[in-house]
Amino acid sequence: MKGQTLAVVVLAVLVMVSALGVVYVKYESRKLFIQLQALQSRRDQMNVEWGRLQLEQSTWATHSRIERVARDRLGMVTPSPDSVVIVRP
């Protein structure tokens, strides 16, 4: 009888340890899932910002803007037809 009682106690302890293990694993799983969702949200925000930056870059590189900057900052002008010389090889 003493052997059966010991076996029941050992099994009860093992069941409790197993239950605590399940609770801990579930807690860690939820914590990691929340972290994953936060990282995915940050990724989405960065993708939106990347799209805005690409749009801004394409705006800065338009021909009309480059021509305006060349005229305003560098004092460049379109040459008159008389001053254009075509060089042929």
C-alpha atoms as a PDB file:
ATOM      1  CA  MET A   1       0.000   0.000   0.000  1.00  0.00           C
ATOM      2  CA  LYS A   2       2.852   2.348   0.814  1.00  0.00           C
ATOM      3  CA  GLY A   3       4.280   1.850  -2.675  1.00  0.00           C
ATOM      4  CA  GLN A   4       0.958   2.792  -4.299  1.00  0.00           C
ATOM      5  CA  THR A   5       0.682   5.927  -2.191  1.00  0.00           C
ATOM      6  CA  LEU A   6       4.180   6.967  -3.188  1.00  0.00           C
ATOM      7  CA  ALA A   7       3.350   6.343  -6.858  1.00  0.00           C
ATOM      8  CA  VAL A   8       0.192   8.452  -6.605  1.00  0.00           C
ATOM      9  CA  VAL A   9       2.103  11.299  -4.952  1.00  0.00           C
ATOM     10  CA  VAL A  10       4.852  11.153  -7.588  1.00  0.00           C
ATOM     11  CA  LEU A  11       2.283  11.112 -10.379  1.00  0.00           C
ATOM     12  CA  ALA A  12       0.404  14.045  -8.801  1.00  0.00           C
ATOM     13  CA  VAL A  13       3.646  16.046  -8.605  1.00  0.00           C
ATOM     14  CA  LEU A  14       4.431  15.207 -12.229  1.00  0.00           C
ATOM     15  CA  VAL A  15       0.937  16.292 -13.286  1.00  0.00           C
ATOM     16  CA  MET A  16       1.397  19.611 -11.460  1.00  0.00           C
ATOM     17  CA  VAL A  17       4.827  20.164 -13.030  1.00  0.00           C
ATOM     18  CA  SER A  18       3.355  19.371 -16.433  1.00  0.00           C
ATOM     19  CA  ALA A  19       0.465  21.802 -15.854  1.00  0.00           C
ATOM     20  CA  LEU A  20       2.866  24.551 -14.819  1.00  0.00           C
ATOM     21  CA  GLY A  21       4.921  23.832 -17.934  1.00  0.00           C
ATOM     22  CA  VAL A  22       1.839  24.223 -20.136  1.00  0.00           C
ATOM     23  CA  VAL A  23       0.942  27.526 -18.450  1.00  0.00           C
ATOM     24  CA  TYR A  24       4.492  28.850 -18.886  1.00  0.00           C
ATOM     25  CA  VAL A  25       4.671  27.829 -22.552  1.00  0.00           C
ATOM     26  CA  LYS A  26       1.273  29.427 -23.239  1.00  0.00           C
ATOM     27  CA  TYR A  27       2.416  32.654 -21.542  1.00  0.00           C
ATOM     28  CA  GLU A  28       5.629  32.759 -23.597  1.00  0.00           C
ATOM     29  CA  SER A  29       3.660  32.034 -26.768  1.00  0.00           C
ATOM     30  CA  ARG A  30       1.305  34.958 -26.132  1.00  0.00           C
ATOM     31  CA  LYS A  31       4.195  37.266 -25.281  1.00  0.00           C
ATOM     32  CA  LEU A  32       6.005  36.369 -28.514  1.00  0.00           C
ATOM     33  CA  PHE A  33       2.804  36.762 -30.544  1.00  0.00           C
ATOM     34  CA  ILE A  34       2.306  40.282 -29.165  1.00  0.00           C
ATOM     35  CA  GLN A  35       5.913  41.083 -30.046  1.00  0.00           C
ATOM     36  CA  LEU A  36       5.374  39.702 -33.556  1.00  0.00           C
ATOM     37  CA  GLN A  37       2.299  41.882 -34.050  1.00  0.00           C
ATOM     38  CA  ALA A  38       4.223  44.979 -32.910  1.00  0.00           C
ATOM     39  CA  LEU A  39       7.050  44.207 -35.317  1.00  0.00           C
ATOM     40  CA  GLN A  40       4.624  43.643 -38.193  1.00  0.00           C
ATOM     41  CA  SER A  41       2.950  46.970 -37.430  1.00  0.00           C
ATOM     42  CA  ARG A  42       6.342  48.699 -37.447  1.00  0.00           C
ATOM     43  CA  ARG A  43       7.168  46.988 -40.755  1.00  0.00           C
ATOM     44  CA  ASP A  44       3.939  48.279 -42.267  1.00  0.00           C
ATOM     45  CA  GLN A  45       4.707  51.814 -41.064  1.00  0.00           C
ATOM     46  CA  MET A  46       8.185  51.606 -42.579  1.00  0.00           C
ATOM     47  CA  ASN A  47       6.752  50.368 -45.890  1.00  0.00           C
ATOM     48  CA  VAL A  48       4.413  53.382 -45.988  1.00  0.00           C
ATOM     49  CA  GLU A  49       7.323  55.711 -45.229  1.00  0.00           C
ATOM     50  CA  TRP A  50       9.431  54.013 -47.924  1.00  0.00           C
ATOM     51  CA  GLY A  51       6.666  54.621 -50.468  1.00  0.00           C
ATOM     52  CA  ARG A  52       6.522  58.304 -49.489  1.00  0.00           C
ATOM     53  CA  LEU A  53      10.285  58.618 -49.794  1.00  0.00           C
ATOM     54  CA  GLN A  54      10.258  57.013 -53.245  1.00  0.00           C
ATOM     55  CA  LEU A  55       7.544  59.429 -54.345  1.00  0.00           C
ATOM     56  CA  GLU A  56       9.527  62.360 -52.960  1.00  0.00           C
ATOM     57  CA  GLN A  57      12.676  61.176 -54.730  1.00  0.00           C
ATOM     58  CA  SER A  58      10.871  60.906 -58.048  1.00  0.00           C
ATOM     59  CA  THR A  59       9.505  64.434 -57.524  1.00  0.00           C
ATOM     60  CA  TRP A  60      12.980  65.822 -56.853  1.00  0.00           C
ATOM     61  CA  ALA A  61      14.309  64.178 -60.014  1.00  0.00           C
ATOM     62  CA  THR A  62      11.751  65.584 -62.477  1.00  0.00           C
ATOM     63  CA  HIS A  63      13.166  67.347 -65.537  1.00  0.00           C
ATOM     64  CA  SER A  64      11.337  70.586 -64.824  1.00  0.00           C
ATOM     65  CA  ARG A  65      12.792  70.806 -61.314  1.00  0.00           C
ATOM     66  CA  ILE A  66      16.312  70.044 -62.511  1.00  0.00           C
ATOM     67  CA  GLU A  67      15.986  72.692 -65.227  1.00  0.00           C
ATOM     68  CA  ARG A  68      14.683  75.247 -62.708  1.00  0.00           C
ATOM     69  CA  VAL A  69      17.570  74.530 -60.322  1.00  0.00           C
ATOM     70  CA  ALA A  70      20.049  74.799 -63.190  1.00  0.00           C
ATOM     71  CA  ARG A  71      18.646  78.211 -64.137  1.00  0.00           C
ATOM     72  CA  ASP A  72      18.271  79.582 -60.596  1.00  0.00           C
ATOM     73  CA  ARG A  73      21.357  78.275 -58.804  1.00  0.00           C
ATOM     74  CA  LEU A  74      23.837  77.811 -61.622  1.00  0.00           C
ATOM     75  CA  GLY A  75      22.708  80.636 -63.902  1.00  0.00           C
ATOM     76  CA  MET A  76      22.422  78.295 -66.887  1.00  0.00           C
ATOM     77  CA  VAL A  77      20.409  79.351 -69.933  1.00  0.00           C
ATOM     78  CA  THR A  78      19.365  77.660 -73.138  1.00  0.00           C
ATOM     79  CA  PRO A  79      21.813  78.667 -75.886  1.00  0.00           C
ATOM     80  CA  SER A  80      20.543  80.577 -78.877  1.00  0.00           C
ATOM     81  CA  PRO A  81      20.353  78.650 -82.160  1.00  0.00           C
ATOM     82  CA  ASP A  82      23.184  80.809 -83.578  1.00  0.00           C
ATOM     83  CA  SER A  83      25.610  79.736 -80.842  1.00  0.00           C
ATOM     84  CA  VAL A  84      24.958  75.983 -81.232  1.00  0.00           C
ATOM     85  CA  VAL A  85      27.688  74.154 -83.135  1.00  0.00           C
ATOM     86  CA  ILE A  86      27.237  70.554 -84.295  1.00  0.00           C
ATOM     87  CA  VAL A  87      30.455  68.560 -84.408  1.00  0.00           C
ATOM     88  CA  ARG A  88      30.472  65.501 -86.651  1.00  0.00           C
ATOM     89  CA  PRO A  89      33.096  62.779 -86.371  1.00  0.00           C
END
